[in-house]
Amino acid sequence: MTPYCERAAPGWFAEPLNTVSGLAYFVAAWQSWKQLERARWREQWDLHLLAALVAAVGLAAVLWHASGIAWLHWLDRAALGAFVVAYWSVFLVRTQRFGAVAVAVAWLLTAIGLAALGSVLPLQAYGGTGIYMPLLALLVAAIGLAARVDRRLARDLLLASALFLLALVVRALDLVLCDWAVVGTHWLWHLLTAGLLFVLVDGMIRHVRLRETQAAQAVG
């Protein structure tokens, strides 16, 4: 069985729709990058990093789906994993005001929690879609933490969770509906997750601006 419905044979450019839809990540990265202040990259280096990692997810996705080379599949997952690590770290620092030690402890607890959740979930079910379920749980945890400090960010995270849930359904249906939808549904996964990543980065950028405005008002 091929990994995606659209790929009927090995070789380059056997998944044109999946490949082209991967460009949506570049659009999301560019829209995020445009909101950042170039002159303040030192203060906003973490936000710039998030935008750059969205582009990295897009590059890995395009290369993997264009070529079908096995090791690029792992690069695709590694790029998304790098974004998750960076975003959760930035979230803890920017919203919870955690220092380095607190972030390390939080990551230890997060890793334990995700590992425990992964041990009881069918991670390889539905073409490997189950492997992303712990990330949905992480988003839900972020909503609870964000609600204490920034309700608008919490709403952004709620929207991101809804997009992610829909994306998981679409990804799971790719091979299931292959006989009916010849090109599959994985290209929708790209569009939805690109939107998801944009919502996450955009929400963080606006949260940082809110914090800076509040700090300026307090000084004034």
Protein backbone atom coordinates (compact mmCIF):
# COMPACT_ATOMS: atom_id res chain seq x y z
CA MET A 1 0.00 0.00 0.00
CA THR A 2 1.33 3.46 -0.91
CA PRO A 3 1.64 5.96 1.98
CA TYR A 4 -0.82 8.39 0.39
CA CYS A 5 -3.76 7.87 -1.92
CA GLU A 6 -2.44 10.20 -4.61
CA ARG A 7 0.86 8.30 -4.93
CA ALA A 8 0.16 5.37 -7.23
CA ALA A 9 3.82 4.74 -8.13
CA PRO A 10 7.33 5.52 -6.84
CA GLY A 11 9.44 8.31 -8.27
CA TRP A 12 9.40 12.07 -8.50
CA PHE A 13 6.25 14.18 -8.90
CA ALA A 14 3.83 11.31 -8.40
CA GLU A 15 1.89 13.46 -5.90
CA PRO A 16 1.35 16.79 -7.67
CA LEU A 17 -1.59 17.94 -5.50
CA ASN A 18 0.09 16.95 -2.25
CA THR A 19 3.27 18.69 -3.39
CA VAL A 20 1.62 21.94 -4.48
CA SER A 21 -0.57 22.13 -1.38
CA GLY A 22 2.62 22.03 0.71
CA LEU A 23 3.27 25.57 -0.52
CA ALA A 24 0.51 26.71 1.86
CA TYR A 25 3.07 26.52 4.67
CA PHE A 26 5.21 29.11 2.90
CA VAL A 27 2.19 31.41 2.67
CA ALA A 28 1.55 30.94 6.40
CA ALA A 29 5.22 31.62 7.19
CA TRP A 30 5.29 34.75 5.03
CA GLN A 31 2.08 36.13 6.56
CA SER A 32 3.54 35.57 10.03
CA TRP A 33 6.92 37.03 9.11
CA LYS A 34 5.33 40.23 7.73
CA GLN A 35 3.89 41.04 11.14
CA LEU A 36 7.28 41.07 12.84
CA GLU A 37 9.45 44.15 13.26
CA ARG A 38 12.78 43.72 11.51
CA ALA A 39 14.46 46.36 13.68
CA ARG A 40 13.54 44.44 16.82
CA TRP A 41 14.70 40.98 15.83
CA ARG A 42 16.82 40.69 18.97
CA GLU A 43 13.75 41.07 21.20
CA GLN A 44 11.60 38.98 18.85
CA TRP A 45 14.10 36.33 17.78
CA ASP A 46 11.86 33.59 19.14
CA LEU A 47 8.90 34.81 17.07
CA HIS A 48 11.10 35.02 13.98
CA LEU A 49 12.21 31.45 14.70
CA LEU A 50 8.60 30.23 14.79
CA ALA A 51 7.86 31.84 11.42
CA ALA A 52 11.03 30.32 9.95
CA LEU A 53 10.10 26.87 11.26
CA VAL A 54 6.71 27.08 9.55
CA ALA A 55 8.63 27.59 6.29
CA ALA A 56 10.86 24.62 7.21
CA VAL A 57 7.75 22.45 7.63
CA GLY A 58 6.67 23.52 4.15
CA LEU A 59 10.06 22.79 2.59
CA ALA A 60 10.18 19.32 4.15
CA ALA A 61 6.60 18.56 3.07
CA VAL A 62 7.21 19.65 -0.52
CA LEU A 63 10.44 17.65 -0.80
CA TRP A 64 8.89 14.53 0.72
CA HIS A 65 5.77 14.52 -1.42
CA ALA A 66 7.61 15.53 -4.59
CA SER A 67 10.22 12.78 -4.27
CA GLY A 68 8.77 9.98 -2.16
CA ILE A 69 12.29 9.34 -0.82
CA ALA A 70 11.87 7.50 2.48
CA TRP A 71 14.30 9.50 4.64
CA LEU A 72 12.60 12.74 3.64
CA HIS A 73 9.50 11.44 5.41
CA TRP A 74 11.49 11.61 8.64
CA LEU A 75 12.70 15.09 7.75
CA ASP A 76 9.05 16.07 7.32
CA ARG A 77 8.23 14.82 10.82
CA ALA A 78 11.40 16.33 12.28
CA ALA A 79 10.48 19.78 10.95
CA LEU A 80 7.05 19.58 12.56
CA GLY A 81 8.63 18.26 15.75
CA ALA A 82 11.05 21.20 15.81
CA PHE A 83 8.13 23.60 15.52
CA VAL A 84 6.30 21.88 18.39
CA VAL A 85 9.37 22.05 20.64
CA ALA A 86 10.00 25.70 19.79
CA TYR A 87 6.38 26.77 20.13
CA TRP A 88 5.81 25.09 23.50
CA SER A 89 9.04 26.63 24.80
CA VAL A 90 8.10 30.10 23.53
CA PHE A 91 4.60 29.65 24.95
CA LEU A 92 5.94 28.84 28.41
CA VAL A 93 8.36 31.78 28.38
CA ARG A 94 6.06 34.38 26.83
CA THR A 95 2.76 33.52 28.54
CA GLN A 96 3.78 31.89 31.81
CA ARG A 97 6.98 33.94 32.30
CA PHE A 98 9.01 30.78 32.92
CA GLY A 99 12.78 30.93 33.25
CA ALA A 100 15.20 28.35 31.88
CA VAL A 101 14.90 26.00 34.87
CA ALA A 102 11.09 26.19 34.92
CA VAL A 103 10.96 25.52 31.16
CA ALA A 104 13.22 22.47 31.59
CA VAL A 105 11.01 21.10 34.37
CA ALA A 106 7.88 21.82 32.34
CA TRP A 107 9.37 19.99 29.37
CA LEU A 108 10.22 17.00 31.55
CA LEU A 109 6.64 16.82 32.79
CA THR A 110 5.35 17.35 29.26
CA ALA A 111 7.50 14.53 27.88
CA ILE A 112 6.31 12.17 30.63
CA GLY A 113 2.68 13.11 30.01
CA LEU A 114 2.93 12.72 26.23
CA ALA A 115 4.76 9.40 26.58
CA ALA A 116 2.07 8.12 28.96
CA LEU A 117 -0.65 9.24 26.57
CA GLY A 118 1.15 7.70 23.62
CA SER A 119 1.38 4.37 25.42
CA VAL A 120 -2.41 4.02 25.54
CA LEU A 121 -3.26 5.45 22.12
CA PRO A 122 -3.15 3.49 18.83
CA LEU A 123 -0.47 5.73 17.34
CA GLN A 124 -0.19 3.84 14.05
CA ALA A 125 -3.93 3.71 13.44
CA TYR A 126 -5.39 5.27 10.30
CA GLY A 127 -2.14 5.51 8.39
CA GLY A 128 -0.15 6.82 11.35
CA THR A 129 -2.56 9.66 12.12
CA GLY A 130 -2.77 8.55 15.75
CA ILE A 131 0.80 9.72 16.33
CA TYR A 132 -0.45 13.31 16.29
CA MET A 133 -3.11 12.83 18.96
CA PRO A 134 -0.78 13.70 21.89
CA LEU A 135 -0.17 17.07 20.21
CA LEU A 136 -3.90 17.75 20.34
CA ALA A 137 -3.76 17.08 24.08
CA LEU A 138 -0.87 19.55 24.34
CA LEU A 139 -2.98 22.20 22.62
CA VAL A 140 -5.81 21.61 25.08
CA ALA A 141 -3.36 22.06 27.98
CA ALA A 142 -2.14 25.30 26.39
CA ILE A 143 -5.71 26.61 26.21
CA GLY A 144 -6.10 26.15 29.96
CA LEU A 145 -2.81 27.92 30.70
CA ALA A 146 -3.48 30.76 28.26
CA ALA A 147 -6.97 31.42 29.62
CA ARG A 148 -5.38 32.63 32.87
CA VAL A 149 -3.37 35.39 31.19
CA ASP A 150 -4.83 36.16 27.74
CA ARG A 151 -8.34 35.10 26.77
CA ARG A 152 -7.83 36.11 23.16
CA LEU A 153 -4.82 33.81 22.89
CA ALA A 154 -6.90 31.06 24.49
CA ARG A 155 -9.53 31.57 21.78
CA ASP A 156 -6.81 31.38 19.12
CA LEU A 157 -5.62 28.11 20.61
CA LEU A 158 -9.19 26.83 20.67
CA LEU A 159 -9.48 27.65 16.95
CA ALA A 160 -6.14 25.93 16.34
CA SER A 161 -7.41 22.84 18.18
CA ALA A 162 -10.55 22.76 16.02
CA LEU A 163 -8.44 23.04 12.85
CA PHE A 164 -6.15 20.31 14.10
CA LEU A 165 -9.02 17.96 14.90
CA LEU A 166 -10.48 18.50 11.43
CA ALA A 167 -7.03 17.99 9.89
CA LEU A 168 -6.63 14.70 11.73
CA VAL A 169 -9.98 13.49 10.40
CA VAL A 170 -9.01 14.50 6.85
CA ARG A 171 -5.62 12.80 7.15
CA ALA A 172 -7.19 9.59 8.45
CA LEU A 173 -9.65 9.51 5.56
CA ASP A 174 -6.96 9.77 2.86
CA LEU A 175 -6.50 6.04 2.27
CA VAL A 176 -9.96 5.07 3.52
CA LEU A 177 -11.69 7.06 0.76
CA CYS A 178 -9.05 6.39 -1.89
CA ASP A 179 -11.38 4.42 -4.16
CA TRP A 180 -13.87 7.27 -4.12
CA ALA A 181 -11.55 10.30 -4.13
CA VAL A 182 -8.80 9.46 -6.60
CA VAL A 183 -6.45 12.23 -5.43
CA GLY A 184 -7.12 11.51 -1.77
CA THR A 185 -7.55 14.04 1.02
CA HIS A 186 -3.99 14.53 2.27
CA TRP A 187 -3.70 17.83 0.42
CA LEU A 188 -6.44 19.14 2.73
CA TRP A 189 -4.24 18.15 5.67
CA HIS A 190 -1.60 20.53 4.33
CA LEU A 191 -4.04 23.41 3.94
CA LEU A 192 -5.59 22.90 7.38
CA THR A 193 -2.31 22.47 9.23
CA ALA A 194 -0.80 25.47 7.44
CA GLY A 195 -3.75 27.47 8.73
CA LEU A 196 -3.25 25.92 12.16
CA LEU A 197 0.42 26.94 12.31
CA PHE A 198 -0.44 30.47 11.19
CA VAL A 199 -3.10 30.80 13.89
CA LEU A 200 -0.59 29.62 16.51
CA VAL A 201 2.16 32.04 15.47
CA ASP A 202 -0.22 34.92 14.83
CA GLY A 203 -1.79 34.45 18.26
CA MET A 204 1.63 34.46 19.92
CA ILE A 205 2.68 37.61 18.07
CA ARG A 206 -0.46 39.41 19.22
CA HIS A 207 0.05 38.16 22.78
CA VAL A 208 3.58 39.59 22.84
CA ARG A 209 2.27 42.93 21.56
CA LEU A 210 -0.40 42.93 24.26
CA ARG A 211 2.20 42.28 26.96
CA GLU A 212 4.41 45.06 25.60
CA THR A 213 1.48 47.49 25.54
CA GLN A 214 0.54 46.60 29.10
CA ALA A 215 4.14 47.06 30.22
CA ALA A 216 4.34 50.48 28.54
CA GLN A 217 1.09 51.58 30.14
CA ALA A 218 2.31 50.45 33.56
CA VAL A 219 5.49 52.52 33.17
CA GLY A 220 3.55 55.49 31.85
